[in-house]
Amino acid sequence: AVAAFYEAGCRYLQLDDIFFAYLCDETQREKR
């Protein structure tokens, strides 16, 4: 995906990696 977006001309790609923040929540940690 990263390579394909670069080939398409993308020079600013954002990854919404929100689940790092979820894993700071004790309820979410317990579910895991």
PDB file of all heavy atoms in Angstrom:
ATOM      1  N   ALA A   1       0.833  -1.207   0.000  1.00  0.00           N
ATOM      2  CA  ALA A   1       0.000   0.000   0.000  1.00  0.00           C
ATOM      3  C   ALA A   1       0.865   1.253   0.000  1.00  0.00           C
ATOM      4  O   ALA A   1       0.632   2.189  -0.778  1.00  0.00           O
ATOM      5  CB  ALA A   1      -0.926  -0.007   1.213  1.00  0.00           C
ATOM      6  N   VAL A   2       1.876   1.300   0.869  1.00  0.00           N
ATOM      7  CA  VAL A   2       2.754   2.464   0.947  1.00  0.00           C
ATOM      8  C   VAL A   2       3.439   2.692  -0.397  1.00  0.00           C
ATOM      9  O   VAL A   2       3.498   3.823  -0.904  1.00  0.00           O
ATOM     10  CB  VAL A   2       3.790   2.295   2.080  1.00  0.00           C
ATOM     11  CG1 VAL A   2       4.837   3.398   2.033  1.00  0.00           C
ATOM     12  CG2 VAL A   2       3.093   2.290   3.439  1.00  0.00           C
ATOM     13  N   ALA A   3       3.937   1.625  -0.987  1.00  0.00           N
ATOM     14  CA  ALA A   3       4.611   1.739  -2.288  1.00  0.00           C
ATOM     15  C   ALA A   3       3.647   2.214  -3.378  1.00  0.00           C
ATOM     16  O   ALA A   3       4.012   3.037  -4.232  1.00  0.00           O
ATOM     17  CB  ALA A   3       5.231   0.403  -2.669  1.00  0.00           C
ATOM     18  N   ALA A   4       2.421   1.711  -3.342  1.00  0.00           N
ATOM     19  CA  ALA A   4       1.443   2.083  -4.367  1.00  0.00           C
ATOM     20  C   ALA A   4       1.028   3.544  -4.239  1.00  0.00           C
ATOM     21  O   ALA A   4       0.871   4.249  -5.251  1.00  0.00           O
ATOM     22  CB  ALA A   4       0.223   1.174  -4.278  1.00  0.00           C
ATOM     23  N   PHE A   5       0.848   4.023  -3.019  1.00  0.00           N
ATOM     24  CA  PHE A   5       0.489   5.435  -2.847  1.00  0.00           C
ATOM     25  C   PHE A   5       1.642   6.333  -3.283  1.00  0.00           C
ATOM     26  O   PHE A   5       1.422   7.388  -3.898  1.00  0.00           O
ATOM     27  CB  PHE A   5       0.083   5.718  -1.399  1.00  0.00           C
ATOM     28  CG  PHE A   5      -1.363   5.393  -1.109  1.00  0.00           C
ATOM     29  CD1 PHE A   5      -1.703   4.288  -0.351  1.00  0.00           C
ATOM     30  CD2 PHE A   5      -2.374   6.188  -1.617  1.00  0.00           C
ATOM     31  CE1 PHE A   5      -3.034   3.973  -0.102  1.00  0.00           C
ATOM     32  CE2 PHE A   5      -3.714   5.887  -1.376  1.00  0.00           C
ATOM     33  CZ  PHE A   5      -4.041   4.770  -0.616  1.00  0.00           C
ATOM     34  N   TYR A   6       2.866   5.939  -3.003  1.00  0.00           N
ATOM     35  CA  TYR A   6       4.004   6.730  -3.466  1.00  0.00           C
ATOM     36  C   TYR A   6       4.027   6.785  -4.991  1.00  0.00           C
ATOM     37  O   TYR A   6       4.219   7.851  -5.586  1.00  0.00           O
ATOM     38  CB  TYR A   6       5.313   6.140  -2.936  1.00  0.00           C
ATOM     39  CG  TYR A   6       6.506   6.997  -3.284  1.00  0.00           C
ATOM     40  CD1 TYR A   6       6.900   8.042  -2.454  1.00  0.00           C
ATOM     41  CD2 TYR A   6       7.235   6.771  -4.451  1.00  0.00           C
ATOM     42  CE1 TYR A   6       7.977   8.860  -2.769  1.00  0.00           C
ATOM     43  CE2 TYR A   6       8.317   7.570  -4.781  1.00  0.00           C
ATOM     44  CZ  TYR A   6       8.684   8.613  -3.938  1.00  0.00           C
ATOM     45  OH  TYR A   6       9.751   9.418  -4.272  1.00  0.00           O
ATOM     46  N   GLU A   7       3.813   5.646  -5.615  1.00  0.00           N
ATOM     47  CA  GLU A   7       3.805   5.583  -7.076  1.00  0.00           C
ATOM     48  C   GLU A   7       2.690   6.463  -7.644  1.00  0.00           C
ATOM     49  O   GLU A   7       2.824   7.038  -8.738  1.00  0.00           O
ATOM     50  CB  GLU A   7       3.628   4.140  -7.538  1.00  0.00           C
ATOM     51  CG  GLU A   7       3.664   3.947  -9.041  1.00  0.00           C
ATOM     52  CD  GLU A   7       5.000   4.290  -9.673  1.00  0.00           C
ATOM     53  OE1 GLU A   7       6.030   4.227  -8.970  1.00  0.00           O
ATOM     54  OE2 GLU A   7       5.016   4.621 -10.872  1.00  0.00           O
ATOM     55  N   ALA A   8       1.593   6.592  -6.898  1.00  0.00           N
ATOM     56  CA  ALA A   8       0.477   7.441  -7.327  1.00  0.00           C
ATOM     57  C   ALA A   8       0.768   8.929  -7.116  1.00  0.00           C
ATOM     58  O   ALA A   8      -0.067   9.774  -7.459  1.00  0.00           O
ATOM     59  CB  ALA A   8      -0.794   7.051  -6.582  1.00  0.00           C
ATOM     60  N   GLY A   9       1.927   9.238  -6.535  1.00  0.00           N
ATOM     61  CA  GLY A   9       2.311  10.625  -6.318  1.00  0.00           C
ATOM     62  C   GLY A   9       2.192  11.105  -4.887  1.00  0.00           C
ATOM     63  O   GLY A   9       2.521  12.254  -4.587  1.00  0.00           O
ATOM     64  N   CYS A  10       1.721  10.248  -3.998  1.00  0.00           N
ATOM     65  CA  CYS A  10       1.499  10.650  -2.607  1.00  0.00           C
ATOM     66  C   CYS A  10       2.827  10.840  -1.886  1.00  0.00           C
ATOM     67  O   CYS A  10       3.642   9.915  -1.826  1.00  0.00           O
ATOM     68  CB  CYS A  10       0.652   9.603  -1.894  1.00  0.00           C
ATOM     69  SG  CYS A  10       0.336   9.980  -0.158  1.00  0.00           S
ATOM     70  N   ARG A  11       3.002  12.028  -1.297  1.00  0.00           N
ATOM     71  CA  ARG A  11       4.201  12.305  -0.503  1.00  0.00           C
ATOM     72  C   ARG A  11       3.864  12.582   0.961  1.00  0.00           C
ATOM     73  O   ARG A  11       4.758  12.859   1.756  1.00  0.00           O
ATOM     74  CB  ARG A  11       4.965  13.498  -1.103  1.00  0.00           C
ATOM     75  CG  ARG A  11       5.456  13.241  -2.530  1.00  0.00           C
ATOM     76  CD  ARG A  11       6.453  12.083  -2.589  1.00  0.00           C
ATOM     77  NE  ARG A  11       6.948  11.850  -3.933  1.00  0.00           N
ATOM     78  CZ  ARG A  11       6.414  10.963  -4.785  1.00  0.00           C
ATOM     79  NH1 ARG A  11       5.339  10.258  -4.428  1.00  0.00           N
ATOM     80  NH2 ARG A  11       6.938  10.792  -5.978  1.00  0.00           N
ATOM     81  N   TYR A  12       2.573  12.512   1.287  1.00  0.00           N
ATOM     82  CA  TYR A  12       2.144  12.705   2.675  1.00  0.00           C
ATOM     83  C   TYR A  12       1.030  11.695   2.939  1.00  0.00           C
ATOM     84  O   TYR A  12      -0.121  11.892   2.547  1.00  0.00           O
ATOM     85  CB  TYR A  12       1.661  14.131   2.877  1.00  0.00           C
ATOM     86  CG  TYR A  12       1.409  14.542   4.322  1.00  0.00           C
ATOM     87  CD1 TYR A  12       1.763  13.744   5.407  1.00  0.00           C
ATOM     88  CD2 TYR A  12       0.809  15.773   4.612  1.00  0.00           C
ATOM     89  CE1 TYR A  12       1.547  14.139   6.712  1.00  0.00           C
ATOM     90  CE2 TYR A  12       0.580  16.194   5.907  1.00  0.00           C
ATOM     91  CZ  TYR A  12       0.945  15.368   6.955  1.00  0.00           C
ATOM     92  OH  TYR A  12       0.717  15.767   8.258  1.00  0.00           O
ATOM     93  N   LEU A  13       1.391  10.629   3.614  1.00  0.00           N
ATOM     94  CA  LEU A  13       0.462   9.539   3.916  1.00  0.00           C
ATOM     95  C   LEU A  13       0.258   9.481   5.416  1.00  0.00           C
ATOM     96  O   LEU A  13       1.228   9.443   6.175  1.00  0.00           O
ATOM     97  CB  LEU A  13       1.026   8.211   3.402  1.00  0.00           C
ATOM     98  CG  LEU A  13       0.189   6.954   3.689  1.00  0.00           C
ATOM     99  CD1 LEU A  13      -1.124   6.996   2.912  1.00  0.00           C
ATOM    100  CD2 LEU A  13       0.987   5.699   3.338  1.00  0.00           C
ATOM    101  N   GLN A  14      -0.996   9.469   5.834  1.00  0.00           N
ATOM    102  CA  GLN A  14      -1.327   9.406   7.259  1.00  0.00           C
ATOM    103  C   GLN A  14      -1.919   8.052   7.597  1.00  0.00           C
ATOM    104  O   GLN A  14      -2.827   7.571   6.922  1.00  0.00           O
ATOM    105  CB  GLN A  14      -2.317  10.508   7.612  1.00  0.00           C
ATOM    106  CG  GLN A  14      -2.747  10.531   9.083  1.00  0.00           C
ATOM    107  CD  GLN A  14      -3.743  11.626   9.331  1.00  0.00           C
ATOM    108  OE1 GLN A  14      -3.475  12.794   9.029  1.00  0.00           O
ATOM    109  NE2 GLN A  14      -4.902  11.281   9.868  1.00  0.00           N
ATOM    110  N   LEU A  15      -1.404   7.435   8.658  1.00  0.00           N
ATOM    111  CA  LEU A  15      -1.927   6.170   9.150  1.00  0.00           C
ATOM    112  C   LEU A  15      -2.712   6.434  10.422  1.00  0.00           C
ATOM    113  O   LEU A  15      -2.159   6.937  11.404  1.00  0.00           O
ATOM    114  CB  LEU A  15      -0.781   5.187   9.426  1.00  0.00           C
ATOM    115  CG  LEU A  15       0.137   4.880   8.247  1.00  0.00           C
ATOM    116  CD1 LEU A  15       1.288   3.970   8.678  1.00  0.00           C
ATOM    117  CD2 LEU A  15      -0.635   4.243   7.103  1.00  0.00           C
ATOM    118  N   ASP A  16      -3.996   6.124  10.403  1.00  0.00           N
ATOM    119  CA  ASP A  16      -4.827   6.272  11.595  1.00  0.00           C
ATOM    120  C   ASP A  16      -4.664   5.014  12.429  1.00  0.00           C
ATOM    121  O   ASP A  16      -5.363   4.016  12.229  1.00  0.00           O
ATOM    122  CB  ASP A  16      -6.288   6.515  11.199  1.00  0.00           C
ATOM    123  CG  ASP A  16      -6.477   7.852  10.491  1.00  0.00           C
ATOM    124  OD1 ASP A  16      -5.700   8.782  10.774  1.00  0.00           O
ATOM    125  OD2 ASP A  16      -7.374   7.963   9.652  1.00  0.00           O
ATOM    126  N   ASP A  17      -3.703   5.076  13.349  1.00  0.00           N
ATOM    127  CA  ASP A  17      -3.333   3.916  14.168  1.00  0.00           C
ATOM    128  C   ASP A  17      -3.869   4.114  15.575  1.00  0.00           C
ATOM    129  O   ASP A  17      -3.127   4.101  16.557  1.00  0.00           O
ATOM    130  CB  ASP A  17      -1.808   3.758  14.184  1.00  0.00           C
ATOM    131  CG  ASP A  17      -1.359   2.409  13.649  1.00  0.00           C
ATOM    132  OD1 ASP A  17      -2.104   1.431  13.814  1.00  0.00           O
ATOM    133  OD2 ASP A  17      -0.267   2.335  13.060  1.00  0.00           O
ATOM    134  N   ILE A  18      -5.176   4.270  15.677  1.00  0.00           N
ATOM    135  CA  ILE A  18      -5.793   4.715  16.928  1.00  0.00           C
ATOM    136  C   ILE A  18      -5.747   3.671  18.036  1.00  0.00           C
ATOM    137  O   ILE A  18      -5.926   4.010  19.208  1.00  0.00           O
ATOM    138  CB  ILE A  18      -7.246   5.157  16.699  1.00  0.00           C
ATOM    139  CG1 ILE A  18      -8.170   3.960  16.483  1.00  0.00           C
ATOM    140  CG2 ILE A  18      -7.344   6.125  15.529  1.00  0.00           C
ATOM    141  CD1 ILE A  18      -9.652   4.316  16.488  1.00  0.00           C
ATOM    142  N   PHE A  19      -5.478   2.423  17.676  1.00  0.00           N
ATOM    143  CA  PHE A  19      -5.613   1.370  18.681  1.00  0.00           C
ATOM    144  C   PHE A  19      -4.450   1.329  19.662  1.00  0.00           C
ATOM    145  O   PHE A  19      -4.525   0.657  20.687  1.00  0.00           O
ATOM    146  CB  PHE A  19      -5.878   0.033  17.993  1.00  0.00           C
ATOM    147  CG  PHE A  19      -7.168   0.076  17.209  1.00  0.00           C
ATOM    148  CD1 PHE A  19      -7.156   0.147  15.829  1.00  0.00           C
ATOM    149  CD2 PHE A  19      -8.378   0.142  17.863  1.00  0.00           C
ATOM    150  CE1 PHE A  19      -8.342   0.247  15.112  1.00  0.00           C
ATOM    151  CE2 PHE A  19      -9.575   0.247  17.169  1.00  0.00           C
ATOM    152  CZ  PHE A  19      -9.560   0.301  15.784  1.00  0.00           C
ATOM    153  N   PHE A  20      -3.390   2.074  19.380  1.00  0.00           N
ATOM    154  CA  PHE A  20      -2.394   2.290  20.422  1.00  0.00           C
ATOM    155  C   PHE A  20      -3.053   2.997  21.602  1.00  0.00           C
ATOM    156  O   PHE A  20      -2.829   2.638  22.753  1.00  0.00           O
ATOM    157  CB  PHE A  20      -1.236   3.145  19.882  1.00  0.00           C
ATOM    158  CG  PHE A  20      -0.250   2.399  19.030  1.00  0.00           C
ATOM    159  CD1 PHE A  20      -0.381   2.380  17.653  1.00  0.00           C
ATOM    160  CD2 PHE A  20       0.811   1.723  19.609  1.00  0.00           C
ATOM    161  CE1 PHE A  20       0.534   1.703  16.862  1.00  0.00           C
ATOM    162  CE2 PHE A  20       1.726   1.033  18.830  1.00  0.00           C
ATOM    163  CZ  PHE A  20       1.596   1.019  17.456  1.00  0.00           C
ATOM    164  N   ALA A  21      -3.858   4.020  21.314  1.00  0.00           N
ATOM    165  CA  ALA A  21      -4.529   4.760  22.382  1.00  0.00           C
ATOM    166  C   ALA A  21      -5.570   3.896  23.086  1.00  0.00           C
ATOM    167  O   ALA A  21      -5.759   4.007  24.303  1.00  0.00           O
ATOM    168  CB  ALA A  21      -5.168   6.032  21.827  1.00  0.00           C
ATOM    169  N   TYR A  22      -6.255   3.029  22.334  1.00  0.00           N
ATOM    170  CA  TYR A  22      -7.214   2.120  22.970  1.00  0.00           C
ATOM    171  C   TYR A  22      -6.516   1.251  24.014  1.00  0.00           C
ATOM    172  O   TYR A  22      -7.089   0.924  25.062  1.00  0.00           O
ATOM    173  CB  TYR A  22      -7.852   1.210  21.917  1.00  0.00           C
ATOM    174  CG  TYR A  22      -9.070   1.763  21.216  1.00  0.00           C
ATOM    175  CD1 TYR A  22      -9.084   3.059  20.701  1.00  0.00           C
ATOM    176  CD2 TYR A  22     -10.196   0.980  21.020  1.00  0.00           C
ATOM    177  CE1 TYR A  22     -10.189   3.556  20.031  1.00  0.00           C
ATOM    178  CE2 TYR A  22     -11.318   1.461  20.354  1.00  0.00           C
ATOM    179  CZ  TYR A  22     -11.307   2.747  19.862  1.00  0.00           C
ATOM    180  OH  TYR A  22     -12.399   3.227  19.197  1.00  0.00           O
ATOM    181  N   LEU A  23      -5.285   0.859  23.726  1.00  0.00           N
ATOM    182  CA  LEU A  23      -4.564  -0.046  24.628  1.00  0.00           C
ATOM    183  C   LEU A  23      -3.998   0.674  25.843  1.00  0.00           C
ATOM    184  O   LEU A  23      -3.288   0.068  26.654  1.00  0.00           O
ATOM    185  CB  LEU A  23      -3.459  -0.781  23.866  1.00  0.00           C
ATOM    186  CG  LEU A  23      -3.985  -1.819  22.866  1.00  0.00           C
ATOM    187  CD1 LEU A  23      -2.864  -2.333  21.972  1.00  0.00           C
ATOM    188  CD2 LEU A  23      -4.661  -2.986  23.593  1.00  0.00           C
ATOM    189  N   CYS A  24      -4.341   1.951  26.003  1.00  0.00           N
ATOM    190  CA  CYS A  24      -4.055   2.688  27.233  1.00  0.00           C
ATOM    191  C   CYS A  24      -5.253   2.661  28.177  1.00  0.00           C
ATOM    192  O   CYS A  24      -5.177   3.180  29.295  1.00  0.00           O
ATOM    193  CB  CYS A  24      -3.701   4.130  26.911  1.00  0.00           C
ATOM    194  SG  CYS A  24      -2.195   4.324  25.942  1.00  0.00           S
ATOM    195  N   ASP A  25      -6.353   2.078  27.728  1.00  0.00           N
ATOM    196  CA  ASP A  25      -7.604   2.023  28.485  1.00  0.00           C
ATOM    197  C   ASP A  25      -7.725   0.665  29.163  1.00  0.00           C
ATOM    198  O   ASP A  25      -7.638  -0.386  28.507  1.00  0.00           O
ATOM    199  CB  ASP A  25      -8.778   2.248  27.528  1.00  0.00           C
ATOM    200  CG  ASP A  25     -10.121   2.189  28.236  1.00  0.00           C
ATOM    201  OD1 ASP A  25     -10.592   1.075  28.543  1.00  0.00           O
ATOM    202  OD2 ASP A  25     -10.702   3.254  28.474  1.00  0.00           O
ATOM    203  N   GLU A  26      -7.933   0.652  30.462  1.00  0.00           N
ATOM    204  CA  GLU A  26      -7.926  -0.613  31.195  1.00  0.00           C
ATOM    205  C   GLU A  26      -9.064  -1.538  30.767  1.00  0.00           C
ATOM    206  O   GLU A  26      -8.898  -2.757  30.738  1.00  0.00           O
ATOM    207  CB  GLU A  26      -7.998  -0.356  32.701  1.00  0.00           C
ATOM    208  CG  GLU A  26      -7.840  -1.623  33.545  1.00  0.00           C
ATOM    209  CD  GLU A  26      -6.606  -2.452  33.180  1.00  0.00           C
ATOM    210  OE1 GLU A  26      -5.533  -1.863  32.938  1.00  0.00           O
ATOM    211  OE2 GLU A  26      -6.713  -3.706  33.142  1.00  0.00           O
ATOM    212  N   THR A  27     -10.212  -0.981  30.410  1.00  0.00           N
ATOM    213  CA  THR A  27     -11.313  -1.826  29.948  1.00  0.00           C
ATOM    214  C   THR A  27     -10.933  -2.526  28.650  1.00  0.00           C
ATOM    215  O   THR A  27     -11.185  -3.731  28.479  1.00  0.00           O
ATOM    216  CB  THR A  27     -12.583  -0.985  29.730  1.00  0.00           C
ATOM    217  OG1 THR A  27     -12.966  -0.383  30.970  1.00  0.00           O
ATOM    218  CG2 THR A  27     -13.730  -1.851  29.215  1.00  0.00           C
ATOM    219  N   GLN A  28     -10.316  -1.790  27.723  1.00  0.00           N
ATOM    220  CA  GLN A  28      -9.876  -2.387  26.470  1.00  0.00           C
ATOM    221  C   GLN A  28      -8.762  -3.399  26.698  1.00  0.00           C
ATOM    222  O   GLN A  28      -8.713  -4.458  26.048  1.00  0.00           O
ATOM    223  CB  GLN A  28      -9.394  -1.290  25.511  1.00  0.00           C
ATOM    224  CG  GLN A  28     -10.475  -0.333  25.057  1.00  0.00           C
ATOM    225  CD  GLN A  28     -11.534  -1.007  24.205  1.00  0.00           C
ATOM    226  OE1 GLN A  28     -11.226  -1.834  23.357  1.00  0.00           O
ATOM    227  NE2 GLN A  28     -12.790  -0.666  24.437  1.00  0.00           N
ATOM    228  N   ARG A  29      -7.883  -3.113  27.620  1.00  0.00           N
ATOM    229  CA  ARG A  29      -6.793  -4.043  27.937  1.00  0.00           C
ATOM    230  C   ARG A  29      -7.344  -5.359  28.497  1.00  0.00           C
ATOM    231  O   ARG A  29      -6.891  -6.440  28.133  1.00  0.00           O
ATOM    232  CB  ARG A  29      -5.817  -3.399  28.926  1.00  0.00           C
ATOM    233  CG  ARG A  29      -5.009  -2.255  28.310  1.00  0.00           C
ATOM    234  CD  ARG A  29      -4.225  -1.476  29.359  1.00  0.00           C
ATOM    235  NE  ARG A  29      -3.168  -2.265  29.964  1.00  0.00           N
ATOM    236  CZ  ARG A  29      -1.943  -2.385  29.460  1.00  0.00           C
ATOM    237  NH1 ARG A  29      -1.624  -1.778  28.328  1.00  0.00           N
ATOM    238  NH2 ARG A  29      -1.033  -3.100  30.088  1.00  0.00           N
ATOM    239  N   GLU A  30      -8.375  -5.246  29.347  1.00  0.00           N
ATOM    240  CA  GLU A  30      -8.967  -6.448  29.923  1.00  0.00           C
ATOM    241  C   GLU A  30      -9.666  -7.283  28.861  1.00  0.00           C
ATOM    242  O   GLU A  30      -9.620  -8.525  28.893  1.00  0.00           O
ATOM    243  CB  GLU A  30      -9.938  -6.068  31.041  1.00  0.00           C
ATOM    244  CG  GLU A  30     -10.551  -7.256  31.767  1.00  0.00           C
ATOM    245  CD  GLU A  30      -9.518  -8.198  32.371  1.00  0.00           C
ATOM    246  OE1 GLU A  30      -8.430  -7.734  32.777  1.00  0.00           O
ATOM    247  OE2 GLU A  30      -9.794  -9.429  32.427  1.00  0.00           O
ATOM    248  N   LYS A  31     -10.307  -6.632  27.907  1.00  0.00           N
ATOM    249  CA  LYS A  31     -10.946  -7.373  26.807  1.00  0.00           C
ATOM    250  C   LYS A  31      -9.913  -8.168  26.023  1.00  0.00           C
ATOM    251  O   LYS A  31     -10.185  -9.291  25.575  1.00  0.00           O
ATOM    252  CB  LYS A  31     -11.684  -6.406  25.885  1.00  0.00           C
ATOM    253  CG  LYS A  31     -12.963  -5.840  26.471  1.00  0.00           C
ATOM    254  CD  LYS A  31     -13.653  -4.910  25.481  1.00  0.00           C
ATOM    255  CE  LYS A  31     -14.953  -4.361  26.065  1.00  0.00           C
ATOM    256  NZ  LYS A  31     -15.637  -3.433  25.131  1.00  0.00           N
ATOM    257  N   ARG A  32      -8.738  -7.593  25.838  1.00  0.00           N
ATOM    258  CA  ARG A  32      -7.676  -8.306  25.116  1.00  0.00           C
ATOM    259  C   ARG A  32      -7.172  -9.490  25.940  1.00  0.00           C
ATOM    260  O   ARG A  32      -6.883 -10.556  25.401  1.00  0.00           O
ATOM    261  CB  ARG A  32      -6.526  -7.345  24.797  1.00  0.00           C
ATOM    262  CG  ARG A  32      -6.908  -6.325  23.748  1.00  0.00           C
ATOM    263  CD  ARG A  32      -7.060  -6.970  22.380  1.00  0.00           C
ATOM    264  NE  ARG A  32      -8.189  -6.415  21.638  1.00  0.00           N
ATOM    265  CZ  ARG A  32      -8.499  -6.747  20.393  1.00  0.00           C
ATOM    266  NH1 ARG A  32      -7.755  -7.621  19.734  1.00  0.00           N
ATOM    267  NH2 ARG A  32      -9.550  -6.237  19.806  1.00  0.00           N
TER     268      ARG A  32
END
